[in-house]
Amino acid sequence: MLKKISRYLKPKADDVFVELGCGKGRVVFFYNTFKFKKMIGIELKKELAEIAKENLEALKIRNNPIEIIHGDAANVDLTDGTLFFLNNPFGFKTLSSVLTSIKNSFRTHPRKVRIIYLNAVNANLLNEQPWLEIEEKISDRGAGDFIWRSV
């Protein structure tokens, strides 16, 4: 699925990739082959964030600057992000808070945003956002895999 999504990424040099719920960092490391301004992995569970940091050191990845953050995605500053990746990492309430945070960040940092949401259990929440529209349906697997973009 990550390879399939690669066809849709098309990052620009100033894009900042943010994976919400990065676990051990696999997705951040996989997409490091693309050129991004920066890549950020955010993980709530401290032990997984530590493993992701260890993996980053062990892999000695140098293509893009990568930062792994141990924190709650609903409370982390998402202002720099332009491409957000979610593999159904949390429930409705947290997703709602994250979307509000992204939307509010437009006030101080206007930009185009894309959200890749795999197994989009709460797709209806994104569909209800007046500032987002579906760009692409990637697959029907599980609850569906989609890309939304800001309007």
Protein backbone atom coordinates (compact mmCIF):
# COMPACT_ATOMS: atom_id res chain seq x y z
CA MET A 1 0.00 0.00 0.00
CA LEU A 2 2.86 2.41 0.75
CA LYS A 3 4.23 1.90 -2.76
CA LYS A 4 0.77 2.53 -4.23
CA ILE A 5 0.44 5.76 -2.26
CA SER A 6 3.86 6.86 -3.56
CA ARG A 7 2.25 7.58 -6.93
CA TYR A 8 0.03 10.19 -5.28
CA LEU A 9 2.56 11.99 -3.07
CA LYS A 10 4.26 14.30 -5.59
CA PRO A 11 5.92 16.41 -2.87
CA LYS A 12 7.32 19.84 -3.52
CA ALA A 13 10.66 20.97 -2.07
CA ASP A 14 8.93 23.00 0.66
CA ASP A 15 6.57 20.19 1.81
CA VAL A 16 6.80 18.96 5.39
CA PHE A 17 5.70 15.34 5.83
CA VAL A 18 4.06 14.58 9.19
CA GLU A 19 3.07 11.09 10.25
CA LEU A 20 0.59 11.13 13.09
CA GLY A 21 0.99 7.97 15.12
CA CYS A 22 4.36 7.01 13.64
CA GLY A 23 4.99 3.94 15.80
CA LYS A 24 8.53 2.73 15.12
CA GLY A 25 8.93 5.08 12.14
CA ARG A 26 8.44 2.71 9.22
CA VAL A 27 6.34 5.09 7.08
CA VAL A 28 8.58 8.11 7.71
CA PHE A 29 11.62 6.06 6.73
CA PHE A 30 9.88 4.54 3.69
CA TYR A 31 8.92 7.94 2.23
CA ASN A 32 12.34 9.39 2.98
CA THR A 33 13.26 8.52 -0.61
CA PHE A 34 11.19 11.55 -1.68
CA LYS A 35 12.56 15.06 -1.28
CA PHE A 36 10.87 16.92 1.57
CA LYS A 37 11.90 20.03 3.42
CA LYS A 38 11.50 18.03 6.61
CA MET A 39 9.86 14.86 7.92
CA ILE A 40 8.24 14.53 11.33
CA GLY A 41 6.95 11.44 13.10
CA ILE A 42 4.70 11.98 16.11
CA GLU A 43 4.05 9.11 18.53
CA LEU A 44 2.11 9.12 21.80
CA LYS A 45 3.63 5.93 23.24
CA LYS A 46 7.04 6.75 24.65
CA GLU A 47 8.50 3.28 24.06
CA LEU A 48 7.55 3.38 20.36
CA ALA A 49 8.91 6.92 19.94
CA GLU A 50 12.20 5.78 21.50
CA ILE A 51 12.38 2.81 19.13
CA ALA A 52 11.71 5.15 16.18
CA LYS A 53 14.58 7.37 17.34
CA GLU A 54 16.86 4.35 17.68
CA ASN A 55 15.83 3.17 14.21
CA LEU A 56 16.60 6.61 12.80
CA GLU A 57 20.09 6.49 14.28
CA ALA A 58 20.70 2.90 13.14
CA LEU A 59 19.52 3.55 9.57
CA LYS A 60 21.66 6.69 9.25
CA ILE A 61 19.11 8.25 6.91
CA ARG A 62 20.39 11.45 5.34
CA ASN A 63 17.93 12.28 2.51
CA ASN A 64 15.71 14.62 4.56
CA PRO A 65 15.88 16.06 8.05
CA ILE A 66 13.77 13.75 10.24
CA GLU A 67 12.42 14.54 13.68
CA ILE A 68 10.67 12.00 15.90
CA ILE A 69 8.46 13.60 18.56
CA HIS A 70 7.07 11.85 21.60
CA GLY A 71 3.77 13.62 22.16
CA ASP A 72 0.04 13.77 21.71
CA ALA A 73 -0.84 14.66 18.11
CA ALA A 74 -3.77 16.72 19.40
CA ASN A 75 -1.37 18.97 21.36
CA VAL A 76 1.74 19.12 19.15
CA ASP A 77 2.34 22.18 16.96
CA LEU A 78 1.34 21.11 13.43
CA THR A 79 1.93 24.52 11.83
CA ASP A 80 4.74 23.39 9.52
CA GLY A 81 2.98 20.31 8.17
CA THR A 82 1.76 20.24 4.58
CA LEU A 83 1.38 16.48 4.04
CA PHE A 84 -0.17 14.55 6.92
CA PHE A 85 -0.18 10.74 6.97
CA LEU A 86 -2.58 8.78 9.19
CA ASN A 87 -2.98 5.02 9.27
CA ASN A 88 -6.09 5.22 11.48
CA PRO A 89 -3.90 6.00 14.52
CA PHE A 90 -6.60 7.26 16.86
CA GLY A 91 -10.31 7.67 17.43
CA PHE A 92 -12.90 10.26 16.54
CA LYS A 93 -12.20 12.66 19.43
CA THR A 94 -8.44 12.88 18.86
CA LEU A 95 -8.88 13.11 15.08
CA SER A 96 -11.34 15.94 15.59
CA SER A 97 -8.82 17.79 17.79
CA VAL A 98 -6.03 17.22 15.26
CA LEU A 99 -8.16 18.56 12.40
CA THR A 100 -9.05 21.63 14.47
CA SER A 101 -5.37 22.19 15.20
CA ILE A 102 -4.46 21.97 11.51
CA LYS A 103 -7.33 24.26 10.51
CA ASN A 104 -6.43 26.83 13.18
CA SER A 105 -2.80 26.82 12.04
CA PHE A 106 -3.93 28.29 8.69
CA ARG A 107 -4.45 31.62 10.46
CA THR A 108 -0.77 32.02 11.25
CA HIS A 109 0.69 29.90 8.46
CA PRO A 110 -1.47 29.83 5.30
CA ARG A 111 -0.56 26.89 3.07
CA LYS A 112 -1.93 24.01 1.04
CA VAL A 113 -2.42 20.84 3.06
CA ARG A 114 -2.98 17.23 2.04
CA ILE A 115 -4.09 14.45 4.38
CA ILE A 116 -3.53 10.81 3.54
CA TYR A 117 -5.83 8.70 5.70
CA LEU A 118 -5.59 4.91 5.49
CA ASN A 119 -8.37 2.68 6.81
CA ALA A 120 -10.40 5.86 7.13
CA VAL A 121 -12.81 4.72 9.84
CA ASN A 122 -13.71 8.35 10.58
CA ALA A 123 -13.76 9.57 6.98
CA ASN A 124 -17.09 11.26 7.63
CA LEU A 125 -15.31 13.69 9.99
CA LEU A 126 -12.98 14.82 7.19
CA ASN A 127 -15.83 14.91 4.68
CA GLU A 128 -17.70 17.33 6.97
CA GLN A 129 -14.80 19.82 7.07
CA PRO A 130 -15.63 22.80 4.81
CA TRP A 131 -11.91 23.47 4.38
CA LEU A 132 -11.18 19.97 2.99
CA GLU A 133 -12.20 18.09 -0.15
CA ILE A 134 -11.43 14.58 -1.36
CA GLU A 135 -8.58 14.61 -3.84
CA GLU A 136 -8.37 10.88 -4.45
CA LYS A 137 -9.78 7.58 -3.31
CA ILE A 138 -6.80 5.24 -3.25
CA SER A 139 -8.54 1.97 -2.41
CA ASP A 140 -11.62 0.28 -0.97
CA ARG A 141 -9.54 -1.79 1.43
CA GLY A 142 -10.94 -1.80 4.99
CA ALA A 143 -12.79 1.46 5.57
CA GLY A 144 -11.13 2.92 2.47
CA ASP A 145 -7.95 4.86 1.84
CA PHE A 146 -8.23 8.51 0.80
CA ILE A 147 -6.37 11.74 0.21
CA TRP A 148 -8.00 15.04 1.17
CA ARG A 149 -6.69 18.49 0.29
CA SER A 150 -7.36 21.93 1.67
CA VAL A 151 -9.50 24.24 -0.41
